[in-house]
Amino acid sequence: MKKARLGILLGMTLLLSFFFTADDASAYFGDMILNNKAEKRGMPPVVFPHWYHRAEFKCKVCHPAIFEMRSGANDIDMKKIVIDGEYCGKCHNGTISWKPIECARCHSGTPGMKTGLLEGFPWKGPSN
């Protein structure tokens, strides 16, 4: 019973932290920067919160069926996500998880960030 209460408390704390830090994008070591196409198309780089997804799901949920497990190996773009339901759109479809309709929720990187594994801990997004 204590473990269940602790789990609920931790879950609520995490949820509340998103509400109070929504304007301040964060990334941590192990997160991914996706910038092969973003800046070329006039958008900030994507900061993918791999730490969060890894804490919630086992690797096999996404790898290798949805994403090849190699930085830069997946040809991700918004059409494939939003229209075709590929990549992030497999879950972020409005049914399983939130729809990708707020650009800054994912496109929170700073100009010049290179595609790949984020190194360093922690990094704060462009609102700093």
Protein backbone atom coordinates (compact mmCIF):
# COMPACT_ATOMS: atom_id res chain seq x y z
CA MET A 1 0.00 0.00 0.00
CA LYS A 2 2.88 2.38 0.80
CA LYS A 3 4.42 1.72 -2.64
CA ALA A 4 1.13 2.58 -4.34
CA ARG A 5 0.85 5.84 -2.40
CA LEU A 6 4.45 6.70 -3.21
CA GLY A 7 3.83 5.97 -6.90
CA ILE A 8 0.74 8.17 -6.95
CA LEU A 9 2.59 10.96 -5.13
CA LEU A 10 5.54 10.80 -7.53
CA GLY A 11 3.22 10.72 -10.54
CA MET A 12 1.28 13.75 -9.32
CA THR A 13 4.54 15.60 -8.60
CA LEU A 14 5.78 14.92 -12.12
CA LEU A 15 2.46 16.02 -13.62
CA LEU A 16 2.40 19.23 -11.58
CA SER A 17 5.99 19.98 -12.54
CA PHE A 18 4.90 20.05 -16.19
CA PHE A 19 2.23 22.64 -15.40
CA PHE A 20 4.61 24.90 -13.50
CA THR A 21 7.52 24.57 -15.95
CA ALA A 22 5.61 24.56 -19.26
CA ASP A 23 7.33 27.73 -20.46
CA ASP A 24 10.78 26.48 -19.52
CA ALA A 25 11.80 23.52 -21.70
CA SER A 26 14.41 21.28 -20.13
CA ALA A 27 16.57 18.47 -21.35
CA TYR A 28 18.83 16.05 -19.56
CA PHE A 29 21.76 13.82 -20.40
CA GLY A 30 20.56 11.02 -22.66
CA ASP A 31 17.91 13.11 -24.40
CA MET A 32 18.09 13.40 -28.17
CA ILE A 33 18.47 16.51 -30.31
CA LEU A 34 16.76 16.23 -33.71
CA ASN A 35 17.98 18.92 -36.09
CA ASN A 36 18.53 17.33 -39.50
CA LYS A 37 15.54 19.20 -40.93
CA ALA A 38 14.15 21.56 -38.27
CA GLU A 39 16.35 24.63 -38.73
CA LYS A 40 16.41 24.19 -42.51
CA ARG A 41 12.62 24.53 -42.35
CA GLY A 42 12.65 27.56 -40.05
CA MET A 43 11.95 25.72 -36.78
CA PRO A 44 14.06 25.32 -33.62
CA PRO A 45 15.63 21.89 -33.10
CA VAL A 46 13.57 19.19 -31.39
CA VAL A 47 14.63 18.13 -27.89
CA PHE A 48 13.30 14.59 -27.48
CA PRO A 49 12.92 13.68 -23.77
CA HIS A 50 14.33 10.18 -24.04
CA TRP A 51 14.82 10.06 -20.24
CA TYR A 52 11.08 10.47 -19.70
CA HIS A 53 10.04 7.90 -22.28
CA ARG A 54 12.65 5.44 -20.98
CA ALA A 55 11.39 5.86 -17.43
CA GLU A 56 7.83 5.08 -18.52
CA PHE A 57 8.35 2.38 -21.18
CA LYS A 58 10.65 -0.51 -21.98
CA CYS A 59 12.99 -0.04 -24.96
CA LYS A 60 11.09 -2.61 -27.05
CA VAL A 61 7.99 -0.37 -27.11
CA CYS A 62 9.78 1.88 -29.62
CA HIS A 63 12.89 -0.02 -30.74
CA PRO A 64 13.28 -1.28 -33.41
CA ALA A 65 9.64 -1.32 -34.62
CA ILE A 66 9.12 2.49 -34.58
CA PHE A 67 12.63 3.93 -34.37
CA GLU A 68 15.95 2.50 -35.50
CA MET A 69 18.21 2.76 -32.46
CA ARG A 70 20.92 4.90 -34.06
CA SER A 71 21.14 8.68 -33.93
CA GLY A 72 20.16 10.30 -37.23
CA ALA A 73 18.99 7.01 -38.77
CA ASN A 74 15.28 7.86 -38.80
CA ASP A 75 13.94 10.18 -41.51
CA ILE A 76 11.47 11.98 -39.22
CA ASP A 77 9.37 14.91 -40.40
CA MET A 78 6.06 16.45 -39.39
CA LYS A 79 4.08 14.98 -42.31
CA LYS A 80 5.13 11.48 -41.26
CA ILE A 81 4.22 12.21 -37.63
CA VAL A 82 0.93 14.12 -38.00
CA ILE A 83 -0.54 12.87 -41.30
CA ASP A 84 0.91 9.37 -41.67
CA GLY A 85 0.98 8.48 -37.96
CA GLU A 86 4.58 7.29 -38.11
CA TYR A 87 7.40 7.75 -35.59
CA CYS A 88 6.15 9.96 -32.71
CA GLY A 89 2.68 9.88 -34.29
CA LYS A 90 2.30 6.19 -33.38
CA CYS A 91 1.49 7.29 -29.83
CA HIS A 92 1.14 11.07 -30.06
CA ASN A 93 -2.15 10.89 -31.94
CA GLY A 94 -4.66 12.35 -29.51
CA THR A 95 -5.83 8.90 -28.42
CA ILE A 96 -2.83 7.30 -26.76
CA SER A 97 -1.10 10.57 -25.92
CA TRP A 98 -1.35 14.27 -26.76
CA LYS A 99 -1.40 15.37 -30.40
CA PRO A 100 1.65 17.26 -31.68
CA ILE A 101 -0.15 20.55 -32.26
CA GLU A 102 1.88 22.88 -30.01
CA CYS A 103 5.16 23.33 -31.90
CA ALA A 104 7.20 24.62 -28.94
CA ARG A 105 6.42 21.52 -26.91
CA CYS A 106 8.96 19.58 -29.00
CA HIS A 107 10.78 22.29 -30.94
CA SER A 108 12.41 23.73 -27.82
CA GLY A 109 16.08 23.59 -28.76
CA THR A 110 18.37 26.51 -29.46
CA PRO A 111 19.78 27.32 -32.91
CA GLY A 112 22.90 25.42 -33.83
CA MET A 113 22.25 22.34 -31.70
CA LYS A 114 23.57 19.26 -33.49
CA THR A 115 21.51 16.12 -34.09
CA GLY A 116 22.47 13.40 -31.63
CA LEU A 117 22.66 12.51 -27.99
CA LEU A 118 22.55 15.49 -25.64
CA GLU A 119 25.66 15.61 -23.51
CA GLY A 120 25.71 17.55 -20.28
CA PHE A 121 23.26 17.86 -17.42
CA PRO A 122 20.92 19.72 -17.29
CA TRP A 123 20.30 22.04 -20.23
CA LYS A 124 17.59 24.67 -20.18
CA GLY A 125 15.68 25.62 -23.29
CA PRO A 126 15.39 28.92 -25.11
CA SER A 127 13.36 30.65 -22.40
CA ASN A 128 16.51 31.22 -20.30
